[in-house]
C-alpha atoms as a PDB file:
ATOM      1  CA  MET A   1      70.653  32.667  44.823  1.00  0.00           C
ATOM      2  CA  ILE A   2      69.603  29.004  45.119  1.00  0.00           C
ATOM      3  CA  PRO A   3      69.843  28.910  48.939  1.00  0.00           C
ATOM      4  CA  HIS A   4      67.646  32.030  49.102  1.00  0.00           C
ATOM      5  CA  LEU A   5      65.112  30.483  46.716  1.00  0.00           C
ATOM      6  CA  LEU A   6      64.988  27.295  48.771  1.00  0.00           C
ATOM      7  CA  TYR A   7      64.693  29.242  52.009  1.00  0.00           C
ATOM      8  CA  ASN A   8      61.954  31.569  50.738  1.00  0.00           C
ATOM      9  CA  THR A   9      59.866  28.712  49.334  1.00  0.00           C
ATOM     10  CA  GLY A  10      59.889  26.905  52.681  1.00  0.00           C
ATOM     11  CA  PHE A  11      62.189  24.079  51.641  1.00  0.00           C
ATOM     12  CA  PHE A  12      63.963  24.132  55.014  1.00  0.00           C
ATOM     13  CA  ASP A  13      60.778  24.400  57.115  1.00  0.00           C
ATOM     14  CA  GLY A  14      60.657  21.760  59.813  1.00  0.00           C
ATOM     15  CA  LYS A  15      64.226  20.634  59.145  1.00  0.00           C
ATOM     16  CA  ASN A  16      65.766  22.396  62.153  1.00  0.00           C
ATOM     17  CA  ILE A  17      68.354  24.192  60.014  1.00  0.00           C
ATOM     18  CA  PRO A  18      69.260  27.692  61.233  1.00  0.00           C
ATOM     19  CA  GLU A  19      68.628  30.516  58.748  1.00  0.00           C
ATOM     20  CA  GLN A  20      72.311  31.469  58.659  1.00  0.00           C
ATOM     21  CA  GLU A  21      73.258  27.892  57.728  1.00  0.00           C
ATOM     22  CA  ALA A  22      70.474  27.563  55.132  1.00  0.00           C
ATOM     23  CA  LEU A  23      71.546  30.765  53.392  1.00  0.00           C
ATOM     24  CA  LYS A  24      75.227  29.855  53.049  1.00  0.00           C
ATOM     25  CA  PRO A  25      76.385  30.091  49.420  1.00  0.00           C
ATOM     26  CA  LEU A  26      76.632  26.822  47.547  1.00  0.00           C
ATOM     27  CA  VAL A  27      80.127  25.584  46.830  1.00  0.00           C
ATOM     28  CA  VAL A  28      80.645  24.993  43.117  1.00  0.00           C
ATOM     29  CA  LYS A  29      83.442  22.716  41.968  1.00  0.00           C
ATOM     30  CA  LEU A  30      84.541  22.079  38.417  1.00  0.00           C
ATOM     31  CA  VAL A  31      85.078  18.403  37.753  1.00  0.00           C
ATOM     32  CA  PRO A  32      87.432  17.561  34.875  1.00  0.00           C
ATOM     33  CA  LYS A  33      86.829  14.787  32.361  1.00  0.00           C
ATOM     34  CA  LEU A  34      83.065  14.523  32.802  1.00  0.00           C
ATOM     35  CA  PRO A  35      81.038  13.027  29.962  1.00  0.00           C
ATOM     36  CA  GLN A  36      79.734  15.734  27.649  1.00  0.00           C
ATOM     37  CA  GLN A  37      76.576  15.692  25.603  1.00  0.00           C
ATOM     38  CA  LYS A  38      76.952  15.935  21.866  1.00  0.00           C
ATOM     39  CA  ASN A  39      73.669  17.728  21.125  1.00  0.00           C
ATOM     40  CA  ASP A  40      71.169  20.132  22.664  1.00  0.00           C
ATOM     41  CA  GLY A  41      68.681  17.515  23.833  1.00  0.00           C
ATOM     42  CA  ASN A  42      70.490  15.185  26.220  1.00  0.00           C
ATOM     43  CA  CYS A  43      71.577  17.498  29.032  1.00  0.00           C
ATOM     44  CA  GLY A  44      68.926  16.138  31.407  1.00  0.00           C
ATOM     45  CA  ILE A  45      70.175  12.591  30.944  1.00  0.00           C
ATOM     46  CA  TYR A  46      73.730  13.659  31.724  1.00  0.00           C
ATOM     47  CA  VAL A  47      72.611  15.551  34.839  1.00  0.00           C
ATOM     48  CA  ILE A  48      70.566  12.589  36.082  1.00  0.00           C
ATOM     49  CA  LYS A  49      73.387  10.109  35.493  1.00  0.00           C
ATOM     50  CA  TYR A  50      75.948  12.420  37.113  1.00  0.00           C
ATOM     51  CA  ALA A  51      73.682  12.790  40.161  1.00  0.00           C
ATOM     52  CA  GLU A  52      73.254   9.017  40.327  1.00  0.00           C
ATOM     53  CA  TYR A  53      77.006   8.373  40.278  1.00  0.00           C
ATOM     54  CA  PHE A  54      77.675  11.286  42.656  1.00  0.00           C
ATOM     55  CA  ILE A  55      75.111  10.132  45.239  1.00  0.00           C
ATOM     56  CA  ASN A  56      76.517   6.612  45.145  1.00  0.00           C
ATOM     57  CA  GLU A  57      80.089   7.957  45.435  1.00  0.00           C
ATOM     58  CA  MET A  58      81.038   6.309  42.135  1.00  0.00           C
ATOM     59  CA  LEU A  59      82.238   9.253  40.031  1.00  0.00           C
ATOM     60  CA  LYS A  60      85.475   7.447  39.183  1.00  0.00           C
ATOM     61  CA  GLU A  61      83.434   4.600  37.660  1.00  0.00           C
ATOM     62  CA  MET A  62      81.264   6.915  35.561  1.00  0.00           C
ATOM     63  CA  PRO A  63      81.554   6.025  31.857  1.00  0.00           C
ATOM     64  CA  LYS A  64      82.674   8.671  29.382  1.00  0.00           C
ATOM     65  CA  THR A  65      79.626   8.106  27.163  1.00  0.00           C
ATOM     66  CA  PHE A  66      76.104   6.772  27.616  1.00  0.00           C
ATOM     67  CA  ASN A  67      73.706   4.924  25.357  1.00  0.00           C
ATOM     68  CA  ILE A  68      71.147   7.734  25.593  1.00  0.00           C
ATOM     69  CA  ALA A  69      68.271   5.704  24.108  1.00  0.00           C
ATOM     70  CA  HIS A  70      68.881   2.933  26.652  1.00  0.00           C
ATOM     71  CA  VAL A  71      69.128   5.378  29.573  1.00  0.00           C
ATOM     72  CA  ARG A  72      65.875   7.098  28.520  1.00  0.00           C
ATOM     73  CA  LYS A  73      64.049   3.740  28.424  1.00  0.00           C
ATOM     74  CA  TYR A  74      65.564   2.736  31.763  1.00  0.00           C
ATOM     75  CA  LEU A  75      64.515   5.994  33.436  1.00  0.00           C
ATOM     76  CA  THR A  76      61.029   5.759  31.927  1.00  0.00           C
ATOM     77  CA  THR A  77      60.655   2.265  33.359  1.00  0.00           C
ATOM     78  CA  GLN A  78      61.910   3.350  36.779  1.00  0.00           C
ATOM     79  CA  LEU A  79      59.503   6.297  36.912  1.00  0.00           C
ATOM     80  CA  TYR A  80      56.590   4.128  35.764  1.00  0.00           C
ATOM     81  CA  GLU A  81      57.329   1.470  38.387  1.00  0.00           C
ATOM     82  CA  TYR A  82      57.668   4.121  41.099  1.00  0.00           C
ATOM     83  CA  ALA A  83      54.332   5.707  40.145  1.00  0.00           C
ATOM     84  CA  LYS A  84      52.613   2.319  39.981  1.00  0.00           C
ATOM     85  CA  THR A  85      53.961   1.287  43.395  1.00  0.00           C
ATOM     86  CA  LYS A  86      52.940   4.642  44.821  1.00  0.00           C
ATOM     87  CA  GLN A  87      49.361   4.102  43.623  1.00  0.00           C
ATOM     88  CA  VAL A  88      49.119   0.449  44.676  1.00  0.00           C
ATOM     89  CA  GLU A  89      50.560   1.141  48.124  1.00  0.00           C
ATOM     90  CA  ASN A  90      48.532   4.375  48.441  1.00  0.00           C
ATOM     91  CA  TYR A  91      51.626   6.388  49.340  1.00  0.00           C
ATOM     92  CA  ASP A  92      51.256  10.042  50.214  1.00  0.00           C
ATOM     93  CA  THR A  93      53.597  12.384  48.437  1.00  0.00           C
ATOM     94  CA  ASP A  94      56.287  14.088  50.501  1.00  0.00           C
ATOM     95  CA  ASN A  95      55.973  17.255  48.432  1.00  0.00           C
ATOM     96  CA  ASP A  96      53.593  19.779  50.001  1.00  0.00           C
ATOM     97  CA  TRP A  97      53.138  21.532  46.643  1.00  0.00           C
ATOM     98  CA  VAL A  98      51.323  18.496  45.271  1.00  0.00           C
ATOM     99  CA  PRO A  99      47.785  17.907  46.609  1.00  0.00           C
ATOM    100  CA  LYS A 100      47.539  14.738  48.714  1.00  0.00           C
ATOM    101  CA  ASP A 101      44.606  13.481  46.615  1.00  0.00           C
ATOM    102  CA  VAL A 102      46.699  13.331  43.426  1.00  0.00           C
END
């Protein structure tokens, strides 16, 4: 379903990826011993941290728990700094769904 959504919203446009390749099903793997949230409100933090460790190929170093309050403040600071730099440097967004004058 996700590959079809991405394809039909133009995500692959201009990326020189054949339709057959773009529509291949995603491979889902279960990873044992991942940190688990303890409430209903922290799932986003866990997803973001997992993605961060995954992208940097550091899953084995991923801690079993996080200081959620600290991670929230850290992410807030990162997003603020990114937005500020984007404004100061007059960067264009790379997302076509967002108007360039925003």
